């Protein structure tokens, strides 16, 4: 689909893909920018009025030091919400009662940004002790990170409590993996109450950030068991990737998920997929394994504003996954450990 396709053409296309998605794109739709589960953006306006600004300022300093941190904080929120809901379980360290999610296959040696969360939490505890949850910090930091690198803004529903436990099994099983099939990815999203449109919109978060060689090596050398590169990869792009991602070794070598503008939140992720330059198998299958997801890839590649609208709405939906109430959780003083486990 030509890059010059206008918004009206995109909306016609999306009427075919999903009337519900199109309805959600209309500004002022009831769930756009409003939370479920009793969450609402003004939750701390009286109890800690400076909370949002404190989070924003510390995230801004962290991203100024290292642009990649924006993607890392966005990913932290994603990996938190897909395991037991958005409850900050991903932040817990190992203890006598906790097996940390940080050691799971999706997180080990790759998830990061914990020191930034620590800094935010310390500032909030100094300003408003025992008031702002770690789960809400993750939600705010993900939004602020997105905005800081050029992405859309949205009102973050607030009022989550922090979990009293972690689930390494959930982390291993519920977070979509780079080599998952599209049906598996869709199933993992649907378990969280997220639909096909959310799959594609949230995948667009890969417009920023990096991925390790180990996450896509199979595509370069033995995708179908014949020792050849994935036929859907652009030949010159595959050759470029092989230079830094050898058949063995270099597992931790980093490559941008968006080869064109890895530090800017835009829609080049989708344009890259159309050009055979989606880095992960989980990126490429959005185009090649489903007519519905392919239509959304083309629509977002053609219209950055449409992508931004739907990404923001999908982030609110994701942030509303199983929030804990006051009776179910706590507000941790230290995001790495339970209040009952200070040592």
C-alpha atoms as a PDB file:
ATOM      1  CA  UNK A   1       0.000   0.000   0.000  1.00  0.00           C
ATOM      2  CA  UNK A   2       1.414   3.356  -1.007  1.00  0.00           C
ATOM      3  CA  UNK A   3       2.812   5.548   1.723  1.00  0.00           C
ATOM      4  CA  UNK A   4       0.684   8.413   0.449  1.00  0.00           C
ATOM      5  CA  UNK A   5      -2.556   6.664   1.412  1.00  0.00           C
ATOM      6  CA  UNK A   6      -4.676   9.213   3.279  1.00  0.00           C
ATOM      7  CA  UNK A   7      -6.436   8.809   6.587  1.00  0.00           C
ATOM      8  CA  UNK A   8      -9.812   8.335   4.915  1.00  0.00           C
ATOM      9  CA  UNK A   9      -8.477   5.349   2.992  1.00  0.00           C
ATOM     10  CA  UNK A  10      -7.035   3.920   6.203  1.00  0.00           C
ATOM     11  CA  UNK A  11     -10.329   4.234   7.993  1.00  0.00           C
ATOM     12  CA  UNK A  12     -12.170   2.515   5.169  1.00  0.00           C
ATOM     13  CA  UNK A  13      -9.648  -0.307   5.436  1.00  0.00           C
ATOM     14  CA  UNK A  14     -10.112  -0.532   9.179  1.00  0.00           C
ATOM     15  CA  UNK A  15     -13.880  -0.741   8.762  1.00  0.00           C
ATOM     16  CA  UNK A  16     -13.185  -4.015   6.984  1.00  0.00           C
ATOM     17  CA  UNK A  17     -10.696  -5.181   9.599  1.00  0.00           C
ATOM     18  CA  UNK A  18     -12.585  -4.298  12.770  1.00  0.00           C
ATOM     19  CA  UNK A  19     -15.553  -1.974  13.269  1.00  0.00           C
ATOM     20  CA  UNK A  20     -14.798  -1.999  17.012  1.00  0.00           C
ATOM     21  CA  UNK A  21     -11.275  -0.764  16.387  1.00  0.00           C
ATOM     22  CA  UNK A  22     -12.574   2.028  14.182  1.00  0.00           C
ATOM     23  CA  UNK A  23     -15.018   3.060  16.894  1.00  0.00           C
ATOM     24  CA  UNK A  24     -12.151   3.162  19.368  1.00  0.00           C
ATOM     25  CA  UNK A  25     -10.228   5.506  17.095  1.00  0.00           C
ATOM     26  CA  UNK A  26     -12.867   8.214  17.460  1.00  0.00           C
ATOM     27  CA  UNK A  27     -11.708  10.871  19.898  1.00  0.00           C
ATOM     28  CA  UNK A  28     -13.827  10.884  23.022  1.00  0.00           C
ATOM     29  CA  UNK A  29     -14.812   7.216  22.796  1.00  0.00           C
ATOM     30  CA  UNK A  30     -15.860   6.179  26.336  1.00  0.00           C
ATOM     31  CA  UNK A  31     -12.841   3.987  27.072  1.00  0.00           C
ATOM     32  CA  UNK A  32     -10.232   6.200  25.433  1.00  0.00           C
ATOM     33  CA  UNK A  33      -8.068   7.523  28.265  1.00  0.00           C
ATOM     34  CA  UNK A  34     -10.190   6.112  31.082  1.00  0.00           C
ATOM     35  CA  UNK A  35      -9.312   3.140  33.205  1.00  0.00           C
ATOM     36  CA  UNK A  36     -11.233   0.102  34.356  1.00  0.00           C
ATOM     37  CA  UNK A  37     -10.995  -1.497  37.761  1.00  0.00           C
ATOM     38  CA  UNK A  38     -11.539   1.795  39.589  1.00  0.00           C
ATOM     39  CA  UNK A  39      -8.438   3.418  38.078  1.00  0.00           C
ATOM     40  CA  UNK A  40      -8.534   7.070  37.046  1.00  0.00           C
ATOM     41  CA  UNK A  41      -5.887   9.640  35.988  1.00  0.00           C
ATOM     42  CA  UNK A  42      -6.562  12.044  38.901  1.00  0.00           C
ATOM     43  CA  UNK A  43      -6.002   9.405  41.617  1.00  0.00           C
ATOM     44  CA  UNK A  44      -3.023  11.233  43.207  1.00  0.00           C
ATOM     45  CA  UNK A  45      -4.137  14.813  42.564  1.00  0.00           C
ATOM     46  CA  UNK A  46      -4.777  15.390  46.295  1.00  0.00           C
ATOM     47  CA  UNK A  47      -2.661  12.742  48.046  1.00  0.00           C
ATOM     48  CA  UNK A  48       0.501  13.438  46.017  1.00  0.00           C
ATOM     49  CA  UNK A  49      -0.067  16.282  43.532  1.00  0.00           C
ATOM     50  CA  UNK A  50       3.579  16.350  42.449  1.00  0.00           C
ATOM     51  CA  UNK A  51       3.688  12.613  41.625  1.00  0.00           C
ATOM     52  CA  UNK A  52       3.346  12.863  37.847  1.00  0.00           C
ATOM     53  CA  UNK A  53       5.919  15.639  37.549  1.00  0.00           C
ATOM     54  CA  UNK A  54       8.437  13.783  39.737  1.00  0.00           C
ATOM     55  CA  UNK A  55       8.129  10.680  37.566  1.00  0.00           C
ATOM     56  CA  UNK A  56       8.369  12.706  34.369  1.00  0.00           C
ATOM     57  CA  UNK A  57      11.465  14.627  35.438  1.00  0.00           C
ATOM     58  CA  UNK A  58      13.415  11.529  36.517  1.00  0.00           C
ATOM     59  CA  UNK A  59      12.451   9.617  33.363  1.00  0.00           C
ATOM     60  CA  UNK A  60      13.524  12.623  31.286  1.00  0.00           C
ATOM     61  CA  UNK A  61      16.949  12.662  32.934  1.00  0.00           C
ATOM     62  CA  UNK A  62      17.352   8.915  32.429  1.00  0.00           C
ATOM     63  CA  UNK A  63      16.394   9.082  28.735  1.00  0.00           C
ATOM     64  CA  UNK A  64      18.694  12.091  28.248  1.00  0.00           C
ATOM     65  CA  UNK A  65      21.571   9.981  29.617  1.00  0.00           C
ATOM     66  CA  UNK A  66      20.669   6.994  27.435  1.00  0.00           C
ATOM     67  CA  UNK A  67      17.953   7.126  24.773  1.00  0.00           C
ATOM     68  CA  UNK A  68      17.547   3.341  24.885  1.00  0.00           C
ATOM     69  CA  UNK A  69      16.142   3.660  28.400  1.00  0.00           C
ATOM     70  CA  UNK A  70      12.834   4.840  26.919  1.00  0.00           C
ATOM     71  CA  UNK A  71      12.335   1.444  25.285  1.00  0.00           C
ATOM     72  CA  UNK A  72      13.505  -0.364  28.422  1.00  0.00           C
ATOM     73  CA  UNK A  73      10.932   1.371  30.644  1.00  0.00           C
ATOM     74  CA  UNK A  74       8.165   0.750  28.108  1.00  0.00           C
ATOM     75  CA  UNK A  75       9.125  -2.933  28.036  1.00  0.00           C
ATOM     76  CA  UNK A  76       9.148  -3.138  31.854  1.00  0.00           C
ATOM     77  CA  UNK A  77       5.490  -2.108  31.940  1.00  0.00           C
ATOM     78  CA  UNK A  78       4.615  -4.638  29.207  1.00  0.00           C
ATOM     79  CA  UNK A  79       6.430  -7.506  30.947  1.00  0.00           C
ATOM     80  CA  UNK A  80       4.784  -6.569  34.228  1.00  0.00           C
ATOM     81  CA  UNK A  81       1.215  -6.427  32.911  1.00  0.00           C
ATOM     82  CA  UNK A  82       1.363  -9.757  31.057  1.00  0.00           C
ATOM     83  CA  UNK A  83       2.175 -11.621  34.292  1.00  0.00           C
ATOM     84  CA  UNK A  84      -0.597 -11.543  36.911  1.00  0.00           C
ATOM     85  CA  UNK A  85      -1.681  -8.102  35.718  1.00  0.00           C
ATOM     86  CA  UNK A  86      -0.128  -4.664  36.174  1.00  0.00           C
ATOM     87  CA  UNK A  87       1.033  -5.160  39.760  1.00  0.00           C
ATOM     88  CA  UNK A  88       4.801  -4.461  39.776  1.00  0.00           C
ATOM     89  CA  UNK A  89       5.567  -8.156  40.335  1.00  0.00           C
ATOM     90  CA  UNK A  90       8.366  -7.848  37.755  1.00  0.00           C
ATOM     91  CA  UNK A  91      10.264  -5.518  40.093  1.00  0.00           C
ATOM     92  CA  UNK A  92      10.595  -7.956  43.001  1.00  0.00           C
ATOM     93  CA  UNK A  93      14.040  -9.392  43.727  1.00  0.00           C
ATOM     94  CA  UNK A  94      14.663 -12.924  44.962  1.00  0.00           C
ATOM     95  CA  UNK A  95      14.015 -13.402  48.669  1.00  0.00           C
ATOM     96  CA  UNK A  96      13.122 -16.176  51.082  1.00  0.00           C
ATOM     97  CA  UNK A  97       9.519 -16.008  49.845  1.00  0.00           C
ATOM     98  CA  UNK A  98       9.948 -14.746  46.258  1.00  0.00           C
ATOM     99  CA  UNK A  99      11.370 -16.332  43.114  1.00  0.00           C
ATOM    100  CA  UNK A 100      11.985 -13.253  40.989  1.00  0.00           C
ATOM    101  CA  UNK A 101      10.535 -12.889  37.499  1.00  0.00           C
ATOM    102  CA  UNK A 102      13.825 -11.219  36.552  1.00  0.00           C
ATOM    103  CA  UNK A 103      15.312 -14.688  36.031  1.00  0.00           C
ATOM    104  CA  UNK A 104      12.689 -15.893  33.539  1.00  0.00           C
ATOM    105  CA  UNK A 105      13.570 -16.648  29.917  1.00  0.00           C
ATOM    106  CA  UNK A 106      12.017 -13.420  28.549  1.00  0.00           C
ATOM    107  CA  UNK A 107      13.716 -11.280  31.209  1.00  0.00           C
ATOM    108  CA  UNK A 108      17.098 -12.810  32.032  1.00  0.00           C
ATOM    109  CA  UNK A 109      20.025 -10.674  30.824  1.00  0.00           C
ATOM    110  CA  UNK A 110      17.672  -8.374  28.927  1.00  0.00           C
ATOM    111  CA  UNK A 111      15.114  -6.599  31.099  1.00  0.00           C
ATOM    112  CA  UNK A 112      16.441  -3.346  32.541  1.00  0.00           C
ATOM    113  CA  UNK A 113      15.559   0.063  33.966  1.00  0.00           C
ATOM    114  CA  UNK A 114      15.234  -1.030  37.597  1.00  0.00           C
ATOM    115  CA  UNK A 115      17.625   1.651  38.845  1.00  0.00           C
ATOM    116  CA  UNK A 116      15.458   4.356  37.256  1.00  0.00           C
ATOM    117  CA  UNK A 117      12.395   2.938  39.022  1.00  0.00           C
ATOM    118  CA  UNK A 118      14.363   2.924  42.281  1.00  0.00           C
ATOM    119  CA  UNK A 119      15.236   6.589  41.810  1.00  0.00           C
ATOM    120  CA  UNK A 120      11.601   7.494  41.101  1.00  0.00           C
ATOM    121  CA  UNK A 121      10.369   5.544  44.102  1.00  0.00           C
ATOM    122  CA  UNK A 122      12.896   7.204  46.429  1.00  0.00           C
ATOM    123  CA  UNK A 123      11.787  10.656  45.259  1.00  0.00           C
ATOM    124  CA  UNK A 124       8.111   9.796  45.718  1.00  0.00           C
ATOM    125  CA  UNK A 125       8.675   8.311  49.181  1.00  0.00           C
ATOM    126  CA  UNK A 126      10.451  11.516  50.187  1.00  0.00           C
ATOM    127  CA  UNK A 127       7.612  13.662  48.864  1.00  0.00           C
ATOM    128  CA  UNK A 128       4.583  11.499  49.718  1.00  0.00           C
ATOM    129  CA  UNK A 129       5.501   8.491  51.894  1.00  0.00           C
ATOM    130  CA  UNK A 130       3.526   5.314  51.306  1.00  0.00           C
ATOM    131  CA  UNK A 131       1.293   6.865  48.670  1.00  0.00           C
ATOM    132  CA  UNK A 132       2.302   6.038  45.069  1.00  0.00           C
ATOM    133  CA  UNK A 133       2.517   2.381  44.041  1.00  0.00           C
ATOM    134  CA  UNK A 134       5.354   0.861  42.057  1.00  0.00           C
ATOM    135  CA  UNK A 135       2.798  -0.434  39.547  1.00  0.00           C
ATOM    136  CA  UNK A 136       1.660   3.130  38.868  1.00  0.00           C
ATOM    137  CA  UNK A 137       5.285   4.226  38.524  1.00  0.00           C
ATOM    138  CA  UNK A 138       5.725   1.675  35.730  1.00  0.00           C
ATOM    139  CA  UNK A 139       2.584   2.871  33.948  1.00  0.00           C
ATOM    140  CA  UNK A 140       3.592   6.533  34.158  1.00  0.00           C
ATOM    141  CA  UNK A 141       7.210   5.867  33.174  1.00  0.00           C
ATOM    142  CA  UNK A 142       6.073   3.937  30.080  1.00  0.00           C
ATOM    143  CA  UNK A 143       3.894   6.851  28.951  1.00  0.00           C
ATOM    144  CA  UNK A 144       6.553   9.468  29.692  1.00  0.00           C
ATOM    145  CA  UNK A 145       9.215   7.443  27.872  1.00  0.00           C
ATOM    146  CA  UNK A 146       7.027   7.201  24.793  1.00  0.00           C
ATOM    147  CA  UNK A 147       6.353  10.943  24.735  1.00  0.00           C
ATOM    148  CA  UNK A 148      10.003  11.854  25.314  1.00  0.00           C
ATOM    149  CA  UNK A 149      11.120  10.091  22.123  1.00  0.00           C
ATOM    150  CA  UNK A 150       8.383  11.545  19.935  1.00  0.00           C
ATOM    151  CA  UNK A 151       5.444   9.221  20.534  1.00  0.00           C
ATOM    152  CA  UNK A 152       1.833   9.876  21.526  1.00  0.00           C
ATOM    153  CA  UNK A 153       0.601  11.101  24.887  1.00  0.00           C
ATOM    154  CA  UNK A 154      -2.305   9.648  26.865  1.00  0.00           C
ATOM    155  CA  UNK A 155      -3.911  10.017  30.289  1.00  0.00           C
ATOM    156  CA  UNK A 156      -2.672   7.187  32.516  1.00  0.00           C
ATOM    157  CA  UNK A 157      -5.369   5.686  34.758  1.00  0.00           C
ATOM    158  CA  UNK A 158      -3.899   5.348  38.271  1.00  0.00           C
ATOM    159  CA  UNK A 159      -4.657   3.701  41.605  1.00  0.00           C
ATOM    160  CA  UNK A 160      -3.020   0.275  41.243  1.00  0.00           C
ATOM    161  CA  UNK A 161      -1.628  -1.552  44.257  1.00  0.00           C
ATOM    162  CA  UNK A 162       1.551  -3.631  44.287  1.00  0.00           C
ATOM    163  CA  UNK A 163       1.517  -7.429  44.337  1.00  0.00           C
ATOM    164  CA  UNK A 164       2.449  -9.570  47.311  1.00  0.00           C
ATOM    165  CA  UNK A 165       4.175 -12.144  45.123  1.00  0.00           C
ATOM    166  CA  UNK A 166       5.747 -12.937  41.763  1.00  0.00           C
ATOM    167  CA  UNK A 167       5.307 -15.690  39.172  1.00  0.00           C
ATOM    168  CA  UNK A 168       8.358 -16.871  37.274  1.00  0.00           C
ATOM    169  CA  UNK A 169       6.170 -19.544  35.697  1.00  0.00           C
ATOM    170  CA  UNK A 170       3.784 -16.882  34.422  1.00  0.00           C
ATOM    171  CA  UNK A 171       6.699 -14.849  33.140  1.00  0.00           C
ATOM    172  CA  UNK A 172       8.047 -17.856  31.231  1.00  0.00           C
ATOM    173  CA  UNK A 173       4.666 -18.822  29.793  1.00  0.00           C
ATOM    174  CA  UNK A 174       2.599 -15.673  29.294  1.00  0.00           C
ATOM    175  CA  UNK A 175       4.943 -13.106  27.735  1.00  0.00           C
ATOM    176  CA  UNK A 176       4.977 -13.333  23.902  1.00  0.00           C
ATOM    177  CA  UNK A 177       8.326 -14.564  22.589  1.00  0.00           C
ATOM    178  CA  UNK A 178      10.223 -13.460  19.446  1.00  0.00           C
ATOM    179  CA  UNK A 179       9.862 -16.912  17.865  1.00  0.00           C
ATOM    180  CA  UNK A 180       6.214 -17.544  18.788  1.00  0.00           C
ATOM    181  CA  UNK A 181       3.788 -18.250  15.959  1.00  0.00           C
ATOM    182  CA  UNK A 182       1.151 -15.617  15.293  1.00  0.00           C
ATOM    183  CA  UNK A 183      -1.671 -17.815  16.709  1.00  0.00           C
ATOM    184  CA  UNK A 184       0.350 -18.251  19.918  1.00  0.00           C
ATOM    185  CA  UNK A 185       0.963 -14.501  20.183  1.00  0.00           C
ATOM    186  CA  UNK A 186      -2.724 -13.765  19.597  1.00  0.00           C
ATOM    187  CA  UNK A 187      -3.704 -16.348  22.232  1.00  0.00           C
ATOM    188  CA  UNK A 188      -1.355 -14.786  24.798  1.00  0.00           C
ATOM    189  CA  UNK A 189      -2.873 -11.362  24.133  1.00  0.00           C
ATOM    190  CA  UNK A 190      -6.450 -12.661  24.291  1.00  0.00           C
ATOM    191  CA  UNK A 191      -5.778 -14.218  27.697  1.00  0.00           C
ATOM    192  CA  UNK A 192      -5.153 -10.656  28.879  1.00  0.00           C
ATOM    193  CA  UNK A 193      -8.329  -9.291  27.299  1.00  0.00           C
ATOM    194  CA  UNK A 194      -6.441  -7.795  24.350  1.00  0.00           C
ATOM    195  CA  UNK A 195      -7.546  -8.290  20.756  1.00  0.00           C
ATOM    196  CA  UNK A 196      -5.959  -8.576  17.328  1.00  0.00           C
ATOM    197  CA  UNK A 197      -5.752  -4.814  16.900  1.00  0.00           C
ATOM    198  CA  UNK A 198      -3.929  -4.520  20.239  1.00  0.00           C
ATOM    199  CA  UNK A 199      -1.401  -7.127  19.045  1.00  0.00           C
ATOM    200  CA  UNK A 200      -0.412  -5.001  16.062  1.00  0.00           C
ATOM    201  CA  UNK A 201      -0.603  -1.610  17.766  1.00  0.00           C
ATOM    202  CA  UNK A 202       1.450  -2.687  20.791  1.00  0.00           C
ATOM    203  CA  UNK A 203       3.975  -4.464  18.559  1.00  0.00           C
ATOM    204  CA  UNK A 204       4.603  -0.982  17.203  1.00  0.00           C
ATOM    205  CA  UNK A 205       6.482  -0.296  20.438  1.00  0.00           C
ATOM    206  CA  UNK A 206       9.347  -2.005  18.612  1.00  0.00           C
ATOM    207  CA  UNK A 207       9.850   1.267  16.760  1.00  0.00           C
ATOM    208  CA  UNK A 208      12.321   1.985  19.586  1.00  0.00           C
ATOM    209  CA  UNK A 209      14.797  -0.211  21.401  1.00  0.00           C
ATOM    210  CA  UNK A 210      17.228  -3.027  20.727  1.00  0.00           C
ATOM    211  CA  UNK A 211      17.153  -6.812  20.497  1.00  0.00           C
ATOM    212  CA  UNK A 212      19.822  -9.404  21.210  1.00  0.00           C
ATOM    213  CA  UNK A 213      21.278 -11.636  18.507  1.00  0.00           C
ATOM    214  CA  UNK A 214      19.931 -14.715  20.268  1.00  0.00           C
ATOM    215  CA  UNK A 215      16.372 -13.478  19.688  1.00  0.00           C
ATOM    216  CA  UNK A 216      16.593 -13.609  15.892  1.00  0.00           C
ATOM    217  CA  UNK A 217      19.620 -15.774  14.987  1.00  0.00           C
ATOM    218  CA  UNK A 218      17.424 -18.606  13.713  1.00  0.00           C
ATOM    219  CA  UNK A 219      16.017 -16.311  11.019  1.00  0.00           C
ATOM    220  CA  UNK A 220      19.503 -15.775   9.631  1.00  0.00           C
ATOM    221  CA  UNK A 221      20.771 -19.342   9.434  1.00  0.00           C
ATOM    222  CA  UNK A 222      18.133 -22.053   9.721  1.00  0.00           C
ATOM    223  CA  UNK A 223      14.614 -20.681   9.708  1.00  0.00           C
ATOM    224  CA  UNK A 224      12.967 -23.687   8.030  1.00  0.00           C
ATOM    225  CA  UNK A 225      15.550 -26.350   8.810  1.00  0.00           C
ATOM    226  CA  UNK A 226      17.367 -26.031   5.469  1.00  0.00           C
ATOM    227  CA  UNK A 227      20.279 -23.945   6.736  1.00  0.00           C
ATOM    228  CA  UNK A 228      19.044 -20.873   4.851  1.00  0.00           C
ATOM    229  CA  UNK A 229      17.925 -17.441   5.993  1.00  0.00           C
ATOM    230  CA  UNK A 230      14.244 -16.629   6.332  1.00  0.00           C
ATOM    231  CA  UNK A 231      12.967 -15.987   2.799  1.00  0.00           C
ATOM    232  CA  UNK A 232      10.866 -13.071   4.046  1.00  0.00           C
ATOM    233  CA  UNK A 233      13.999 -11.134   5.097  1.00  0.00           C
ATOM    234  CA  UNK A 234      15.435  -8.588   2.711  1.00  0.00           C
ATOM    235  CA  UNK A 235      18.642 -10.178   1.365  1.00  0.00           C
ATOM    236  CA  UNK A 236      20.918  -7.203   2.032  1.00  0.00           C
ATOM    237  CA  UNK A 237      19.421  -6.711   5.493  1.00  0.00           C
ATOM    238  CA  UNK A 238      20.030 -10.369   6.342  1.00  0.00           C
ATOM    239  CA  UNK A 239      23.643 -10.057   5.186  1.00  0.00           C
ATOM    240  CA  UNK A 240      24.081  -6.968   7.379  1.00  0.00           C
ATOM    241  CA  UNK A 241      22.658  -8.787  10.405  1.00  0.00           C
ATOM    242  CA  UNK A 242      24.926 -11.816   9.881  1.00  0.00           C
ATOM    243  CA  UNK A 243      27.996  -9.565  10.179  1.00  0.00           C
ATOM    244  CA  UNK A 244      27.202  -8.918  13.847  1.00  0.00           C
ATOM    245  CA  UNK A 245      25.182 -12.015  14.689  1.00  0.00           C
ATOM    246  CA  UNK A 246      27.313 -15.095  13.893  1.00  0.00           C
ATOM    247  CA  UNK A 247      26.070 -18.667  13.818  1.00  0.00           C
ATOM    248  CA  UNK A 248      27.572 -19.179  17.276  1.00  0.00           C
ATOM    249  CA  UNK A 249      28.674 -16.647  19.879  1.00  0.00           C
ATOM    250  CA  UNK A 250      27.677 -13.026  20.199  1.00  0.00           C
ATOM    251  CA  UNK A 251      24.360 -13.860  21.850  1.00  0.00           C
ATOM    252  CA  UNK A 252      24.192 -10.485  23.559  1.00  0.00           C
ATOM    253  CA  UNK A 253      25.130  -8.381  20.529  1.00  0.00           C
ATOM    254  CA  UNK A 254      22.470  -5.694  20.147  1.00  0.00           C
ATOM    255  CA  UNK A 255      20.621  -4.605  17.009  1.00  0.00           C
ATOM    256  CA  UNK A 256      17.972  -1.889  16.595  1.00  0.00           C
ATOM    257  CA  UNK A 257      14.420  -3.181  16.252  1.00  0.00           C
ATOM    258  CA  UNK A 258      13.831  -0.279  13.841  1.00  0.00           C
ATOM    259  CA  UNK A 259      16.717  -0.071  11.389  1.00  0.00           C
ATOM    260  CA  UNK A 260      15.751   3.412  10.137  1.00  0.00           C
ATOM    261  CA  UNK A 261      15.041   5.507  13.262  1.00  0.00           C
ATOM    262  CA  UNK A 262      15.700   3.386  16.370  1.00  0.00           C
ATOM    263  CA  UNK A 263      15.673   6.320  18.790  1.00  0.00           C
ATOM    264  CA  UNK A 264      12.445   7.935  17.570  1.00  0.00           C
ATOM    265  CA  UNK A 265       8.926   6.729  18.221  1.00  0.00           C
ATOM    266  CA  UNK A 266       7.353   6.758  14.763  1.00  0.00           C
ATOM    267  CA  UNK A 267       5.773   4.339  12.278  1.00  0.00           C
ATOM    268  CA  UNK A 268       8.950   3.174  10.534  1.00  0.00           C
ATOM    269  CA  UNK A 269       8.614  -0.160  12.346  1.00  0.00           C
ATOM    270  CA  UNK A 270       5.642  -0.929  10.101  1.00  0.00           C
ATOM    271  CA  UNK A 271       7.329   0.461   6.982  1.00  0.00           C
ATOM    272  CA  UNK A 272      10.319  -1.764   7.725  1.00  0.00           C
ATOM    273  CA  UNK A 273       8.098  -4.857   7.943  1.00  0.00           C
ATOM    274  CA  UNK A 274       6.681  -4.063   4.501  1.00  0.00           C
ATOM    275  CA  UNK A 275      10.266  -3.780   3.185  1.00  0.00           C
ATOM    276  CA  UNK A 276      11.334  -7.172   4.590  1.00  0.00           C
ATOM    277  CA  UNK A 277      13.273  -5.506   7.405  1.00  0.00           C
ATOM    278  CA  UNK A 278      11.305  -6.539  10.459  1.00  0.00           C
ATOM    279  CA  UNK A 279      13.962  -7.847  12.832  1.00  0.00           C
ATOM    280  CA  UNK A 280      12.073 -10.494  14.797  1.00  0.00           C
ATOM    281  CA  UNK A 281       9.993 -13.367  13.524  1.00  0.00           C
ATOM    282  CA  UNK A 282       7.166 -12.013  15.709  1.00  0.00           C
ATOM    283  CA  UNK A 283       7.360  -8.780  13.671  1.00  0.00           C
ATOM    284  CA  UNK A 284       7.367 -10.432  10.258  1.00  0.00           C
ATOM    285  CA  UNK A 285       4.419 -12.767  10.939  1.00  0.00           C
ATOM    286  CA  UNK A 286       2.132  -9.743  11.397  1.00  0.00           C
ATOM    287  CA  UNK A 287       2.432  -9.236   7.633  1.00  0.00           C
ATOM    288  CA  UNK A 288       2.709 -12.774   6.305  1.00  0.00           C
ATOM    289  CA  UNK A 289       0.434 -14.940   8.455  1.00  0.00           C
ATOM    290  CA  UNK A 290      -2.863 -13.031   8.696  1.00  0.00           C
ATOM    291  CA  UNK A 291      -4.786 -10.833   6.292  1.00  0.00           C
ATOM    292  CA  UNK A 292      -6.254  -8.874   9.206  1.00  0.00           C
ATOM    293  CA  UNK A 293      -2.944  -8.102  10.905  1.00  0.00           C
ATOM    294  CA  UNK A 294      -1.345  -7.363   7.508  1.00  0.00           C
ATOM    295  CA  UNK A 295      -4.064  -4.797   6.803  1.00  0.00           C
ATOM    296  CA  UNK A 296      -3.277  -3.076  10.093  1.00  0.00           C
ATOM    297  CA  UNK A 297       0.476  -3.115   9.367  1.00  0.00           C
ATOM    298  CA  UNK A 298      -0.208  -1.365   6.050  1.00  0.00           C
ATOM    299  CA  UNK A 299      -2.610   1.112   7.629  1.00  0.00           C
ATOM    300  CA  UNK A 300      -0.144   2.108  10.347  1.00  0.00           C
ATOM    301  CA  UNK A 301       2.733   2.319   7.846  1.00  0.00           C
ATOM    302  CA  UNK A 302       0.638   4.728   5.797  1.00  0.00           C
ATOM    303  CA  UNK A 303      -0.685   6.917   8.617  1.00  0.00           C
ATOM    304  CA  UNK A 304       1.418   7.681  11.698  1.00  0.00           C
ATOM    305  CA  UNK A 305      -1.453   9.527  13.412  1.00  0.00           C
ATOM    306  CA  UNK A 306      -3.687   6.473  13.174  1.00  0.00           C
ATOM    307  CA  UNK A 307      -0.937   4.337  14.711  1.00  0.00           C
ATOM    308  CA  UNK A 308      -0.396   6.854  17.521  1.00  0.00           C
ATOM    309  CA  UNK A 309      -4.141   6.924  18.346  1.00  0.00           C
ATOM    310  CA  UNK A 310      -4.409   3.160  18.498  1.00  0.00           C
ATOM    311  CA  UNK A 311      -1.116   2.663  20.359  1.00  0.00           C
ATOM    312  CA  UNK A 312      -2.254   5.071  23.087  1.00  0.00           C
ATOM    313  CA  UNK A 313      -5.629   3.339  23.398  1.00  0.00           C
ATOM    314  CA  UNK A 314      -4.022  -0.108  23.519  1.00  0.00           C
ATOM    315  CA  UNK A 315      -1.590   1.050  26.216  1.00  0.00           C
ATOM    316  CA  UNK A 316      -4.536   2.141  28.374  1.00  0.00           C
ATOM    317  CA  UNK A 317      -6.194  -1.252  27.803  1.00  0.00           C
ATOM    318  CA  UNK A 318      -2.983  -3.083  28.681  1.00  0.00           C
ATOM    319  CA  UNK A 319      -2.490  -0.944  31.781  1.00  0.00           C
ATOM    320  CA  UNK A 320      -5.939  -1.998  32.970  1.00  0.00           C
ATOM    321  CA  UNK A 321      -5.102  -5.728  33.100  1.00  0.00           C
ATOM    322  CA  UNK A 322      -6.132  -7.067  36.536  1.00  0.00           C
ATOM    323  CA  UNK A 323      -5.188  -4.112  38.753  1.00  0.00           C
ATOM    324  CA  UNK A 324      -5.050  -4.919  42.459  1.00  0.00           C
ATOM    325  CA  UNK A 325      -7.354  -3.173  44.908  1.00  0.00           C
ATOM    326  CA  UNK A 326      -6.355  -1.826  48.304  1.00  0.00           C
ATOM    327  CA  UNK A 327      -7.402  -5.078  49.945  1.00  0.00           C
ATOM    328  CA  UNK A 328      -5.434  -7.227  47.497  1.00  0.00           C
ATOM    329  CA  UNK A 329      -2.060  -5.516  47.510  1.00  0.00           C
ATOM    330  CA  UNK A 330       0.139  -2.923  49.157  1.00  0.00           C
ATOM    331  CA  UNK A 331       2.129   0.189  48.311  1.00  0.00           C
ATOM    332  CA  UNK A 332       5.729  -0.949  48.572  1.00  0.00           C
ATOM    333  CA  UNK A 333       8.235   1.329  50.231  1.00  0.00           C
ATOM    334  CA  UNK A 334      10.949  -0.303  48.105  1.00  0.00           C
ATOM    335  CA  UNK A 335       9.845  -1.620  44.719  1.00  0.00           C
ATOM    336  CA  UNK A 336      12.273  -4.561  44.936  1.00  0.00           C
ATOM    337  CA  UNK A 337      10.796  -6.156  48.062  1.00  0.00           C
ATOM    338  CA  UNK A 338       7.592  -6.588  50.041  1.00  0.00           C
ATOM    339  CA  UNK A 339       6.979  -4.258  52.970  1.00  0.00           C
ATOM    340  CA  UNK A 340       6.987  -7.313  55.241  1.00  0.00           C
ATOM    341  CA  UNK A 341      10.386  -8.365  53.947  1.00  0.00           C
ATOM    342  CA  UNK A 342      12.721  -5.464  54.675  1.00  0.00           C
ATOM    343  CA  UNK A 343      16.233  -6.661  55.356  1.00  0.00           C
END
